[in-house]
Amino acid sequence: MREKNNFLKLAVCLVVLQTGFLFYPKLTPAVKTEIKTVGTVPSFGTYSFRGSLNFNVTKPGKFEIGKITVFGTYNGPYPWIMRVYTDNTNFMPIAGSLKSKSRAGLISGDGQFTIPLKANCQNFGEDWVYVPDINDREYKPYSPPKEVGAGEYTECIIVGIDPRNADWVSGRDRTLFTDDDNPLGDLTLATPFDIKFSADFNEKTIKGNYTSNLYIELIAAP
């Protein structure tokens, strides 16, 4: 009886397999159609800047002296950066002076003394970044390094985008959007955002009026 039941089970299995083969759909070659897709992306405009730096110091200390608010949207060809620098051509340092010989920052009315200037924005977190002068010998324009790393440059870069070297942008793990990525790969911010400026007015600050030829510039990175 057991042998008969086993024979019936085998027969049923064969019927099921045969039925499956009979009703299995016949494979047909895929049909591929090319759909032409073209279009253009116009310029979204550029950034605009509002604000001023006006200050009146009444006591020693580190103070914010003003802010510039950035508006608009920029979608020009990359690579590009927005940098902040001074161009203080009126600086005339006193020979042998203990004061900094850099022309960066705020310049006294007689052109002989300077007060270093720092900038901060959302990309910097809690850090304040030194604003260089474009005429200083130590000034090094930004350029992407060949190896992974931040590179050697002195520019104060606010925002920018530079994905030219995928390995360099993605960092050690070669994966984008992880913690070790080089931020200049995609260092952009939604507008409006603020660029704040500060200076340290201490006992070495000479009395007088101070000014600065301060620039915010959007340029194609080299």
N, C-alpha and C. Protein backbone atom coordinates (compact mmCIF):
# COMPACT_ATOMS: atom_id res chain seq x y z
N MET A 1 0.83 -1.21 0.00
CA MET A 1 0.00 0.00 0.00
C MET A 1 0.86 1.26 0.00
N ARG A 2 1.98 1.19 0.79
CA ARG A 2 2.88 2.35 0.86
C ARG A 2 3.54 2.59 -0.48
N GLU A 3 3.91 1.52 -1.19
CA GLU A 3 4.53 1.68 -2.51
C GLU A 3 3.55 2.30 -3.49
N LYS A 4 2.28 1.93 -3.37
CA LYS A 4 1.26 2.49 -4.26
C LYS A 4 1.09 3.99 -4.02
N ASN A 5 1.08 4.40 -2.73
CA ASN A 5 0.94 5.83 -2.41
C ASN A 5 2.14 6.63 -2.91
N ASN A 6 3.32 6.05 -2.78
CA ASN A 6 4.51 6.73 -3.29
C ASN A 6 4.45 6.90 -4.80
N PHE A 7 3.94 5.89 -5.48
CA PHE A 7 3.80 5.96 -6.94
C PHE A 7 2.82 7.07 -7.34
N LEU A 8 1.71 7.19 -6.56
CA LEU A 8 0.71 8.23 -6.85
C LEU A 8 1.31 9.62 -6.64
N LYS A 9 2.12 9.80 -5.56
CA LYS A 9 2.74 11.09 -5.29
C LYS A 9 3.69 11.48 -6.41
N LEU A 10 4.47 10.51 -6.88
CA LEU A 10 5.41 10.77 -7.97
C LEU A 10 4.66 11.16 -9.23
N ALA A 11 3.55 10.47 -9.48
CA ALA A 11 2.75 10.78 -10.67
C ALA A 11 2.19 12.19 -10.60
N VAL A 12 1.71 12.59 -9.42
CA VAL A 12 1.17 13.95 -9.26
C VAL A 12 2.26 14.98 -9.49
N CYS A 13 3.46 14.73 -8.94
CA CYS A 13 4.58 15.66 -9.14
C CYS A 13 4.92 15.81 -10.60
N LEU A 14 4.93 14.73 -11.34
CA LEU A 14 5.24 14.79 -12.76
C LEU A 14 4.20 15.59 -13.51
N VAL A 15 2.92 15.39 -13.13
CA VAL A 15 1.84 16.15 -13.78
C VAL A 15 2.01 17.64 -13.52
N VAL A 16 2.36 17.99 -12.26
CA VAL A 16 2.54 19.41 -11.92
C VAL A 16 3.70 19.99 -12.71
N LEU A 17 4.84 19.26 -12.80
CA LEU A 17 5.99 19.74 -13.54
C LEU A 17 5.66 19.91 -15.01
N GLN A 18 4.95 18.93 -15.58
CA GLN A 18 4.58 19.02 -16.99
C GLN A 18 3.65 20.20 -17.24
N THR A 19 2.70 20.40 -16.31
CA THR A 19 1.76 21.53 -16.45
C THR A 19 2.50 22.85 -16.39
N GLY A 20 3.50 22.93 -15.46
CA GLY A 20 4.29 24.15 -15.35
C GLY A 20 5.02 24.46 -16.62
N PHE A 21 5.61 23.45 -17.23
CA PHE A 21 6.32 23.67 -18.49
C PHE A 21 5.38 24.06 -19.61
N LEU A 22 4.18 23.49 -19.60
CA LEU A 22 3.23 23.79 -20.67
C LEU A 22 2.75 25.23 -20.62
N PHE A 23 2.59 25.77 -19.40
CA PHE A 23 2.02 27.11 -19.25
C PHE A 23 3.07 28.18 -18.94
N TYR A 24 4.35 27.84 -18.93
CA TYR A 24 5.41 28.82 -18.68
C TYR A 24 5.50 29.77 -19.87
N PRO A 25 5.44 31.12 -19.61
CA PRO A 25 5.40 32.06 -20.73
C PRO A 25 6.68 32.03 -21.55
N LYS A 26 6.54 32.16 -22.82
CA LYS A 26 7.67 32.14 -23.73
C LYS A 26 8.40 33.49 -23.67
N LEU A 27 9.74 33.44 -23.50
CA LEU A 27 10.53 34.65 -23.41
C LEU A 27 10.65 35.32 -24.78
N THR A 28 10.49 36.64 -24.78
CA THR A 28 10.62 37.40 -26.03
C THR A 28 11.68 38.48 -25.84
N PRO A 29 12.38 38.85 -26.90
CA PRO A 29 13.41 39.90 -26.78
C PRO A 29 12.80 41.24 -26.32
N ALA A 30 13.56 41.98 -25.46
CA ALA A 30 13.10 43.30 -25.01
C ALA A 30 13.12 44.28 -26.18
N VAL A 31 12.14 45.15 -26.17
CA VAL A 31 12.07 46.19 -27.19
C VAL A 31 12.53 47.50 -26.57
N LYS A 32 13.59 48.10 -27.10
CA LYS A 32 14.16 49.34 -26.55
C LYS A 32 13.90 50.49 -27.52
N THR A 33 13.34 51.55 -26.98
CA THR A 33 13.06 52.73 -27.78
C THR A 33 13.80 53.92 -27.22
N GLU A 34 14.54 54.60 -28.02
CA GLU A 34 15.24 55.81 -27.59
C GLU A 34 14.31 57.00 -27.68
N ILE A 35 14.22 57.73 -26.56
CA ILE A 35 13.39 58.93 -26.50
C ILE A 35 14.31 60.13 -26.39
N LYS A 36 14.34 60.93 -27.40
CA LYS A 36 15.23 62.08 -27.40
C LYS A 36 14.77 63.09 -26.35
N THR A 37 15.70 63.50 -25.50
CA THR A 37 15.40 64.43 -24.42
C THR A 37 16.43 65.54 -24.43
N VAL A 38 16.01 66.75 -24.64
CA VAL A 38 16.91 67.91 -24.66
C VAL A 38 16.27 69.06 -23.90
N GLY A 39 17.08 69.95 -23.46
CA GLY A 39 16.57 71.12 -22.76
C GLY A 39 17.72 71.99 -22.30
N THR A 40 17.42 73.13 -21.76
CA THR A 40 18.44 74.06 -21.27
C THR A 40 18.10 74.51 -19.86
N VAL A 41 19.14 74.83 -19.12
CA VAL A 41 18.98 75.40 -17.79
C VAL A 41 19.53 76.81 -17.83
N PRO A 42 18.70 77.81 -17.67
CA PRO A 42 19.18 79.19 -17.75
C PRO A 42 19.90 79.58 -16.46
N SER A 43 20.52 80.74 -16.48
CA SER A 43 21.13 81.28 -15.28
C SER A 43 20.03 81.62 -14.26
N PHE A 44 20.27 81.22 -13.02
CA PHE A 44 19.33 81.57 -11.96
C PHE A 44 19.64 82.95 -11.38
N GLY A 45 20.64 83.60 -11.95
CA GLY A 45 21.04 84.90 -11.42
C GLY A 45 22.36 84.79 -10.70
N THR A 46 22.56 85.62 -9.71
CA THR A 46 23.80 85.59 -8.93
C THR A 46 23.50 86.05 -7.52
N TYR A 47 24.53 86.16 -6.73
CA TYR A 47 24.36 86.61 -5.35
C TYR A 47 24.36 88.13 -5.28
N SER A 48 23.63 88.65 -4.31
CA SER A 48 23.68 90.08 -4.00
C SER A 48 23.95 90.23 -2.50
N PHE A 49 24.47 91.39 -2.11
CA PHE A 49 24.94 91.58 -0.74
C PHE A 49 24.35 92.87 -0.17
N ARG A 50 23.89 92.77 1.07
CA ARG A 50 23.33 93.94 1.74
C ARG A 50 23.92 94.04 3.15
N GLY A 51 24.17 95.26 3.54
CA GLY A 51 24.70 95.49 4.88
C GLY A 51 25.92 96.38 4.84
N SER A 52 26.44 96.67 6.01
CA SER A 52 27.63 97.51 6.12
C SER A 52 28.31 97.24 7.45
N LEU A 53 29.54 97.68 7.55
CA LEU A 53 30.31 97.53 8.79
C LEU A 53 30.56 98.92 9.36
N ASN A 54 29.79 99.26 10.37
CA ASN A 54 29.94 100.54 11.07
C ASN A 54 30.07 100.25 12.56
N PHE A 55 31.11 100.76 13.19
CA PHE A 55 31.32 100.44 14.59
C PHE A 55 31.80 101.65 15.36
N ASN A 56 31.54 101.62 16.65
CA ASN A 56 31.98 102.68 17.56
C ASN A 56 32.43 102.00 18.86
N VAL A 57 33.73 101.82 19.00
CA VAL A 57 34.26 101.09 20.15
C VAL A 57 34.35 102.02 21.35
N THR A 58 33.84 101.56 22.50
CA THR A 58 33.87 102.37 23.72
C THR A 58 34.72 101.75 24.82
N LYS A 59 35.12 100.48 24.65
CA LYS A 59 35.94 99.82 25.66
C LYS A 59 36.72 98.69 24.98
N PRO A 60 37.81 98.22 25.62
CA PRO A 60 38.58 97.14 25.03
C PRO A 60 37.78 95.84 24.97
N GLY A 61 38.11 95.02 23.99
CA GLY A 61 37.46 93.73 23.89
C GLY A 61 37.30 93.28 22.45
N LYS A 62 36.78 92.05 22.30
CA LYS A 62 36.48 91.51 20.97
C LYS A 62 35.01 91.77 20.67
N PHE A 63 34.76 92.42 19.54
CA PHE A 63 33.39 92.80 19.21
C PHE A 63 33.07 92.46 17.77
N GLU A 64 31.79 92.11 17.53
CA GLU A 64 31.30 92.03 16.17
C GLU A 64 31.06 93.45 15.68
N ILE A 65 31.54 93.76 14.49
CA ILE A 65 31.46 95.14 14.00
C ILE A 65 30.47 95.28 12.84
N GLY A 66 29.75 94.22 12.52
CA GLY A 66 28.75 94.31 11.47
C GLY A 66 28.59 93.00 10.72
N LYS A 67 27.64 92.97 9.83
CA LYS A 67 27.42 91.75 9.04
C LYS A 67 26.91 92.12 7.65
N ILE A 68 27.16 91.21 6.72
CA ILE A 68 26.68 91.31 5.35
C ILE A 68 25.75 90.12 5.11
N THR A 69 24.55 90.38 4.60
CA THR A 69 23.60 89.31 4.30
C THR A 69 23.64 89.00 2.80
N VAL A 70 23.75 87.71 2.50
CA VAL A 70 23.85 87.25 1.11
C VAL A 70 22.48 86.77 0.65
N PHE A 71 22.03 87.28 -0.51
CA PHE A 71 20.76 86.90 -1.11
C PHE A 71 21.02 86.31 -2.50
N GLY A 72 19.99 85.67 -3.05
CA GLY A 72 20.06 85.21 -4.43
C GLY A 72 20.48 83.76 -4.57
N THR A 73 20.66 83.35 -5.82
CA THR A 73 21.05 81.99 -6.16
C THR A 73 22.02 82.03 -7.32
N TYR A 74 23.10 81.28 -7.20
CA TYR A 74 24.11 81.25 -8.26
C TYR A 74 24.26 79.82 -8.76
N ASN A 75 24.15 79.62 -10.07
CA ASN A 75 24.33 78.29 -10.65
C ASN A 75 25.26 78.34 -11.86
N GLY A 76 26.29 79.17 -11.75
CA GLY A 76 27.26 79.27 -12.84
C GLY A 76 28.12 78.02 -12.93
N PRO A 77 28.94 77.94 -13.97
CA PRO A 77 29.81 76.77 -14.15
C PRO A 77 30.77 76.63 -12.97
N TYR A 78 30.98 75.39 -12.55
CA TYR A 78 31.96 75.17 -11.49
C TYR A 78 33.29 74.82 -12.13
N PRO A 79 34.39 74.95 -11.41
CA PRO A 79 34.51 75.28 -9.98
C PRO A 79 34.40 76.78 -9.73
N TRP A 80 33.90 77.16 -8.56
CA TRP A 80 33.81 78.57 -8.20
C TRP A 80 33.87 78.69 -6.67
N ILE A 81 34.26 79.87 -6.23
CA ILE A 81 34.29 80.16 -4.79
C ILE A 81 33.83 81.59 -4.56
N MET A 82 33.31 81.84 -3.39
CA MET A 82 33.06 83.20 -2.90
C MET A 82 34.07 83.47 -1.81
N ARG A 83 34.90 84.48 -2.02
CA ARG A 83 35.95 84.76 -1.06
C ARG A 83 35.80 86.16 -0.49
N VAL A 84 36.41 86.37 0.68
CA VAL A 84 36.42 87.67 1.34
C VAL A 84 37.88 88.06 1.56
N TYR A 85 38.21 89.29 1.22
CA TYR A 85 39.59 89.76 1.41
C TYR A 85 39.59 91.28 1.48
N THR A 86 40.73 91.84 1.89
CA THR A 86 40.90 93.29 1.85
C THR A 86 41.91 93.64 0.76
N ASP A 87 41.85 94.87 0.32
CA ASP A 87 42.79 95.39 -0.67
C ASP A 87 43.22 96.78 -0.21
N ASN A 88 43.94 96.78 0.90
CA ASN A 88 44.30 98.03 1.57
C ASN A 88 45.61 98.58 1.02
N THR A 89 45.52 99.26 -0.08
CA THR A 89 46.73 99.81 -0.73
C THR A 89 47.26 101.03 0.01
N ASN A 90 46.47 101.57 0.96
CA ASN A 90 46.91 102.78 1.67
C ASN A 90 47.73 102.44 2.91
N PHE A 91 48.05 101.18 3.14
CA PHE A 91 48.80 100.81 4.33
C PHE A 91 50.27 101.18 4.18
N MET A 92 50.79 101.92 5.18
CA MET A 92 52.19 102.34 5.18
C MET A 92 52.78 102.04 6.56
N PRO A 93 53.29 100.82 6.77
CA PRO A 93 53.77 100.45 8.11
C PRO A 93 54.97 101.28 8.54
N ILE A 94 55.05 101.53 9.83
CA ILE A 94 56.18 102.26 10.39
C ILE A 94 57.37 101.30 10.52
N ALA A 95 58.52 101.71 10.04
CA ALA A 95 59.72 100.88 10.10
C ALA A 95 60.06 100.56 11.56
N GLY A 96 60.28 99.29 11.85
CA GLY A 96 60.66 98.88 13.20
C GLY A 96 59.50 98.79 14.17
N SER A 97 58.28 99.00 13.71
CA SER A 97 57.13 98.97 14.59
C SER A 97 56.85 97.54 15.05
N LEU A 98 56.35 97.40 16.28
CA LEU A 98 55.96 96.09 16.79
C LEU A 98 54.63 95.64 16.22
N LYS A 99 53.92 96.55 15.59
CA LYS A 99 52.61 96.22 15.01
C LYS A 99 52.81 95.31 13.81
N SER A 100 51.77 94.57 13.47
CA SER A 100 51.81 93.67 12.33
C SER A 100 52.13 94.42 11.05
N LYS A 101 52.95 93.80 10.23
CA LYS A 101 53.29 94.42 8.95
C LYS A 101 52.30 94.02 7.85
N SER A 102 51.32 93.22 8.21
CA SER A 102 50.29 92.85 7.24
C SER A 102 49.33 94.01 7.05
N ARG A 103 48.91 94.21 5.83
CA ARG A 103 47.95 95.28 5.52
C ARG A 103 46.51 94.81 5.68
N ALA A 104 46.31 93.57 6.10
CA ALA A 104 44.95 93.02 6.22
C ALA A 104 44.21 93.62 7.41
N GLY A 105 42.90 93.75 7.27
CA GLY A 105 42.07 94.21 8.38
C GLY A 105 41.66 95.67 8.27
N LEU A 106 41.57 96.32 9.43
CA LEU A 106 41.20 97.73 9.51
C LEU A 106 42.47 98.57 9.55
N ILE A 107 42.50 99.64 8.77
CA ILE A 107 43.70 100.49 8.65
C ILE A 107 43.42 101.84 9.31
N SER A 108 44.37 102.30 10.11
CA SER A 108 44.22 103.61 10.75
C SER A 108 44.21 104.72 9.71
N GLY A 109 43.67 105.87 10.09
CA GLY A 109 43.53 106.99 9.16
C GLY A 109 44.84 107.44 8.56
N ASP A 110 45.94 107.28 9.30
CA ASP A 110 47.25 107.68 8.77
C ASP A 110 47.91 106.55 8.00
N GLY A 111 47.24 105.40 7.91
CA GLY A 111 47.76 104.29 7.13
C GLY A 111 48.91 103.55 7.78
N GLN A 112 49.13 103.74 9.09
CA GLN A 112 50.31 103.18 9.74
C GLN A 112 50.01 102.00 10.66
N PHE A 113 48.76 101.80 11.05
CA PHE A 113 48.42 100.75 12.01
C PHE A 113 47.26 99.91 11.48
N THR A 114 47.24 98.66 11.89
CA THR A 114 46.20 97.74 11.44
C THR A 114 45.55 97.03 12.62
N ILE A 115 44.29 96.66 12.44
CA ILE A 115 43.57 95.81 13.38
C ILE A 115 43.07 94.61 12.58
N PRO A 116 43.55 93.40 12.88
CA PRO A 116 43.13 92.23 12.13
C PRO A 116 41.61 92.05 12.15
N LEU A 117 41.09 91.51 11.06
CA LEU A 117 39.66 91.34 10.88
C LEU A 117 39.37 89.85 10.70
N LYS A 118 38.29 89.38 11.31
CA LYS A 118 37.88 87.98 11.17
C LYS A 118 36.44 87.89 10.69
N ALA A 119 36.13 86.78 10.04
CA ALA A 119 34.80 86.57 9.48
C ALA A 119 34.23 85.25 9.98
N ASN A 120 32.91 85.19 10.02
CA ASN A 120 32.23 83.96 10.41
C ASN A 120 30.94 83.82 9.61
N CYS A 121 30.63 82.59 9.23
CA CYS A 121 29.33 82.30 8.62
C CYS A 121 28.92 80.89 9.03
N GLN A 122 27.78 80.47 8.58
CA GLN A 122 27.23 79.17 8.98
C GLN A 122 28.19 78.02 8.66
N ASN A 123 28.92 78.12 7.57
CA ASN A 123 29.84 77.05 7.19
C ASN A 123 31.01 76.90 8.16
N PHE A 124 31.32 77.94 8.92
CA PHE A 124 32.47 77.91 9.81
C PHE A 124 32.13 77.39 11.21
N GLY A 125 30.85 77.21 11.49
CA GLY A 125 30.47 76.81 12.85
C GLY A 125 30.80 77.91 13.84
N GLU A 126 31.51 77.55 14.90
CA GLU A 126 31.89 78.53 15.92
C GLU A 126 33.19 79.24 15.60
N ASP A 127 33.86 78.83 14.54
CA ASP A 127 35.17 79.40 14.20
C ASP A 127 35.04 80.76 13.53
N TRP A 128 36.04 81.60 13.80
CA TRP A 128 36.18 82.88 13.11
C TRP A 128 37.45 82.80 12.27
N VAL A 129 37.33 83.09 10.99
CA VAL A 129 38.42 82.91 10.05
C VAL A 129 39.06 84.25 9.71
N TYR A 130 40.38 84.28 9.72
CA TYR A 130 41.15 85.49 9.42
C TYR A 130 40.88 85.95 7.99
N VAL A 131 40.62 87.24 7.83
CA VAL A 131 40.40 87.83 6.50
C VAL A 131 41.74 88.37 5.99
N PRO A 132 42.30 87.79 4.95
CA PRO A 132 43.62 88.21 4.47
C PRO A 132 43.54 89.42 3.56
N ASP A 133 44.70 89.99 3.27
CA ASP A 133 44.79 91.05 2.27
C ASP A 133 45.40 90.45 1.01
N ILE A 134 44.80 90.77 -0.12
CA ILE A 134 45.21 90.15 -1.37
C ILE A 134 46.61 90.57 -1.81
N ASN A 135 47.15 91.64 -1.22
CA ASN A 135 48.47 92.13 -1.59
C ASN A 135 49.60 91.58 -0.71
N ASP A 136 49.26 90.89 0.37
CA ASP A 136 50.30 90.38 1.27
C ASP A 136 51.11 89.28 0.59
N ARG A 137 52.39 89.23 0.93
CA ARG A 137 53.27 88.22 0.33
C ARG A 137 52.82 86.81 0.71
N GLU A 138 52.25 86.67 1.89
CA GLU A 138 51.83 85.35 2.36
C GLU A 138 50.51 84.90 1.76
N TYR A 139 49.87 85.77 1.00
CA TYR A 139 48.56 85.42 0.43
C TYR A 139 48.70 84.31 -0.60
N LYS A 140 47.96 83.20 -0.41
CA LYS A 140 48.00 82.07 -1.33
C LYS A 140 46.60 81.80 -1.85
N PRO A 141 46.37 82.02 -3.15
CA PRO A 141 45.04 81.75 -3.72
C PRO A 141 44.69 80.27 -3.61
N TYR A 142 43.42 80.00 -3.56
CA TYR A 142 42.94 78.63 -3.48
C TYR A 142 43.21 77.86 -4.78
N SER A 143 43.62 76.62 -4.64
CA SER A 143 43.70 75.70 -5.77
C SER A 143 43.55 74.29 -5.21
N PRO A 144 42.91 73.38 -5.94
CA PRO A 144 42.68 72.05 -5.39
C PRO A 144 43.97 71.25 -5.32
N PRO A 145 44.27 70.59 -4.21
CA PRO A 145 45.48 69.77 -4.13
C PRO A 145 45.32 68.49 -4.93
N LYS A 146 46.44 67.91 -5.31
CA LYS A 146 46.40 66.66 -6.05
C LYS A 146 46.10 65.48 -5.14
N GLU A 147 46.45 65.63 -3.87
CA GLU A 147 46.21 64.56 -2.92
C GLU A 147 45.04 64.94 -2.01
N VAL A 148 44.51 63.95 -1.32
CA VAL A 148 43.43 64.20 -0.37
C VAL A 148 43.93 65.11 0.74
N GLY A 149 43.18 66.15 1.05
CA GLY A 149 43.56 67.09 2.09
C GLY A 149 43.01 68.46 1.82
N ALA A 150 43.18 69.35 2.78
CA ALA A 150 42.59 70.69 2.67
C ALA A 150 43.37 71.60 1.74
N GLY A 151 44.63 71.30 1.51
CA GLY A 151 45.42 72.16 0.64
C GLY A 151 45.98 73.35 1.39
N GLU A 152 46.92 74.04 0.76
CA GLU A 152 47.54 75.21 1.37
C GLU A 152 47.07 76.46 0.65
N TYR A 153 46.23 77.21 1.31
CA TYR A 153 45.79 78.50 0.78
C TYR A 153 45.38 79.38 1.95
N THR A 154 45.44 80.67 1.75
CA THR A 154 45.11 81.60 2.83
C THR A 154 43.80 82.33 2.58
N GLU A 155 43.15 82.07 1.47
CA GLU A 155 41.90 82.76 1.17
C GLU A 155 40.83 82.42 2.18
N CYS A 156 40.00 83.40 2.48
CA CYS A 156 38.84 83.21 3.36
C CYS A 156 37.66 82.87 2.45
N ILE A 157 37.35 81.58 2.32
CA ILE A 157 36.32 81.12 1.39
C ILE A 157 35.01 80.92 2.14
N ILE A 158 33.98 81.61 1.69
CA ILE A 158 32.67 81.54 2.34
C ILE A 158 31.87 80.36 1.82
N VAL A 159 31.66 80.30 0.52
CA VAL A 159 30.96 79.18 -0.11
C VAL A 159 31.65 78.86 -1.42
N GLY A 160 31.31 77.73 -2.01
CA GLY A 160 31.89 77.35 -3.29
C GLY A 160 31.55 75.92 -3.64
N ILE A 161 31.94 75.51 -4.83
CA ILE A 161 31.75 74.13 -5.25
C ILE A 161 32.89 73.74 -6.18
N ASP A 162 33.51 72.60 -5.86
CA ASP A 162 34.67 72.16 -6.65
C ASP A 162 34.74 70.63 -6.65
N PRO A 163 33.97 69.97 -7.49
CA PRO A 163 34.01 68.51 -7.55
C PRO A 163 34.94 67.98 -8.64
N ARG A 164 36.01 68.70 -8.96
CA ARG A 164 36.87 68.30 -10.08
C ARG A 164 37.61 67.00 -9.82
N ASN A 165 38.01 66.78 -8.60
CA ASN A 165 38.80 65.60 -8.27
C ASN A 165 37.97 64.76 -7.29
N ALA A 166 37.32 63.71 -7.80
CA ALA A 166 36.39 62.95 -6.98
C ALA A 166 37.05 62.35 -5.75
N ASP A 167 38.26 61.82 -5.91
CA ASP A 167 38.95 61.23 -4.75
C ASP A 167 39.25 62.28 -3.70
N TRP A 168 39.68 63.44 -4.16
CA TRP A 168 40.01 64.50 -3.21
C TRP A 168 38.76 65.00 -2.49
N VAL A 169 37.67 65.13 -3.21
CA VAL A 169 36.43 65.63 -2.60
C VAL A 169 35.85 64.60 -1.63
N SER A 170 35.88 63.34 -2.00
CA SER A 170 35.22 62.31 -1.20
C SER A 170 36.01 61.89 0.03
N GLY A 171 37.29 62.25 0.09
CA GLY A 171 38.07 61.96 1.28
C GLY A 171 38.64 60.55 1.30
N ARG A 172 39.05 60.11 2.49
CA ARG A 172 39.79 58.85 2.61
C ARG A 172 38.96 57.64 2.19
N ASP A 173 37.65 57.66 2.47
CA ASP A 173 36.85 56.48 2.14
C ASP A 173 36.32 56.48 0.71
N ARG A 174 36.65 57.53 -0.05
CA ARG A 174 36.25 57.64 -1.45
C ARG A 174 34.72 57.58 -1.63
N THR A 175 33.99 57.97 -0.59
CA THR A 175 32.53 57.97 -0.65
C THR A 175 32.03 59.37 -0.35
N LEU A 176 31.22 59.92 -1.24
CA LEU A 176 30.72 61.28 -1.05
C LEU A 176 29.72 61.36 0.10
N PHE A 177 29.64 62.55 0.69
CA PHE A 177 28.66 62.89 1.71
C PHE A 177 28.88 62.13 3.02
N THR A 178 30.14 61.81 3.33
CA THR A 178 30.48 61.27 4.64
C THR A 178 31.34 62.29 5.37
N ASP A 179 31.62 62.02 6.64
CA ASP A 179 32.23 63.04 7.50
C ASP A 179 33.62 63.48 7.06
N ASP A 180 34.36 62.63 6.34
CA ASP A 180 35.72 63.00 5.98
C ASP A 180 35.81 63.69 4.62
N ASP A 181 34.68 64.03 4.01
CA ASP A 181 34.70 64.70 2.71
C ASP A 181 35.32 66.09 2.83
N ASN A 182 35.98 66.51 1.75
CA ASN A 182 36.48 67.88 1.69
C ASN A 182 35.28 68.80 1.48
N PRO A 183 35.02 69.73 2.40
CA PRO A 183 33.82 70.56 2.28
C PRO A 183 33.77 71.43 1.04
N LEU A 184 34.94 71.73 0.46
CA LEU A 184 34.90 72.56 -0.74
C LEU A 184 34.36 71.81 -1.95
N GLY A 185 34.15 70.50 -1.80
CA GLY A 185 33.49 69.78 -2.87
C GLY A 185 32.09 70.31 -3.08
N ASP A 186 31.42 70.68 -2.01
CA ASP A 186 30.09 71.27 -2.10
C ASP A 186 29.87 72.12 -0.86
N LEU A 187 30.44 73.29 -0.88
CA LEU A 187 30.37 74.20 0.27
C LEU A 187 29.37 75.31 -0.04
N THR A 188 28.10 74.95 -0.17
CA THR A 188 27.07 75.93 -0.51
C THR A 188 26.11 76.10 0.65
N LEU A 189 25.40 77.20 0.64
CA LEU A 189 24.41 77.51 1.67
C LEU A 189 23.15 78.06 1.03
N ALA A 190 22.02 77.73 1.61
CA ALA A 190 20.77 78.33 1.17
C ALA A 190 20.74 79.79 1.60
N THR A 191 20.26 80.66 0.74
CA THR A 191 20.18 82.08 1.08
C THR A 191 18.79 82.40 1.64
N PRO A 192 18.66 83.46 2.42
CA PRO A 192 19.74 84.37 2.82
C PRO A 192 20.59 83.78 3.95
N PHE A 193 21.87 84.16 3.97
CA PHE A 193 22.73 83.81 5.09
C PHE A 193 23.64 85.00 5.38
N ASP A 194 24.18 85.04 6.59
CA ASP A 194 24.98 86.19 7.05
C ASP A 194 26.46 85.87 7.07
N ILE A 195 27.25 86.88 6.71
CA ILE A 195 28.70 86.86 6.94
C ILE A 195 28.97 87.91 8.01
N LYS A 196 29.40 87.47 9.17
CA LYS A 196 29.65 88.39 10.28
C LYS A 196 31.14 88.70 10.39
N PHE A 197 31.44 89.90 10.88
CA PHE A 197 32.83 90.33 11.00
C PHE A 197 33.10 90.79 12.43
N SER A 198 34.32 90.53 12.90
CA SER A 198 34.69 90.94 14.25
C SER A 198 36.14 91.38 14.29
N ALA A 199 36.50 92.10 15.34
CA ALA A 199 37.87 92.55 15.54
C ALA A 199 38.15 92.65 17.03
N ASP A 200 39.43 92.57 17.37
CA ASP A 200 39.87 92.64 18.77
C ASP A 200 40.49 94.01 19.01
N PHE A 201 39.83 94.79 19.84
CA PHE A 201 40.32 96.13 20.18
C PHE A 201 40.94 96.05 21.59
N ASN A 202 42.27 96.03 21.65
CA ASN A 202 42.93 95.86 22.94
C ASN A 202 43.84 97.04 23.25
N GLU A 203 44.73 96.84 24.23
CA GLU A 203 45.59 97.95 24.67
C GLU A 203 46.60 98.37 23.62
N LYS A 204 46.81 97.54 22.60
CA LYS A 204 47.74 97.90 21.52
C LYS A 204 47.05 98.66 20.38
N THR A 205 45.74 98.79 20.50
CA THR A 205 45.00 99.49 19.44
C THR A 205 45.19 101.00 19.58
N ILE A 206 45.77 101.61 18.57
CA ILE A 206 46.03 103.04 18.60
C ILE A 206 44.74 103.82 18.36
N LYS A 207 44.54 104.86 19.15
CA LYS A 207 43.34 105.70 19.01
C LYS A 207 43.28 106.31 17.60
N GLY A 208 42.08 106.40 17.06
CA GLY A 208 41.91 107.02 15.75
C GLY A 208 40.76 106.42 14.97
N ASN A 209 40.60 106.87 13.76
CA ASN A 209 39.58 106.35 12.87
C ASN A 209 40.17 105.24 12.00
N TYR A 210 39.40 104.20 11.81
CA TYR A 210 39.87 103.04 11.03
C TYR A 210 38.90 102.74 9.90
N THR A 211 39.47 102.28 8.81
CA THR A 211 38.67 101.93 7.64
C THR A 211 39.28 100.71 6.95
N SER A 212 38.58 100.18 5.97
CA SER A 212 39.11 99.02 5.25
C SER A 212 38.49 98.95 3.87
N ASN A 213 39.31 98.59 2.89
CA ASN A 213 38.79 98.28 1.55
C ASN A 213 38.49 96.78 1.53
N LEU A 214 37.28 96.45 1.97
CA LEU A 214 36.88 95.05 2.14
C LEU A 214 36.05 94.61 0.94
N TYR A 215 36.33 93.39 0.44
CA TYR A 215 35.65 92.90 -0.76
C TYR A 215 35.09 91.49 -0.54
N ILE A 216 33.92 91.26 -1.08
CA ILE A 216 33.35 89.92 -1.21
C ILE A 216 33.27 89.65 -2.71
N GLU A 217 33.89 88.57 -3.15
CA GLU A 217 34.03 88.34 -4.59
C GLU A 217 33.68 86.91 -4.94
N LEU A 218 32.94 86.76 -6.03
CA LEU A 218 32.59 85.44 -6.57
C LEU A 218 33.42 85.21 -7.81
N ILE A 219 34.28 84.18 -7.79
CA ILE A 219 35.20 83.96 -8.91
C ILE A 219 35.26 82.49 -9.29
N ALA A 220 35.68 82.24 -10.51
CA ALA A 220 35.97 80.87 -10.93
C ALA A 220 37.28 80.43 -10.31
N ALA A 221 37.27 79.29 -9.64
CA ALA A 221 38.49 78.81 -8.98
C ALA A 221 39.49 78.34 -10.04
N PRO A 222 40.77 78.49 -9.79
CA PRO A 222 41.79 78.09 -10.77
C PRO A 222 41.85 76.57 -10.93
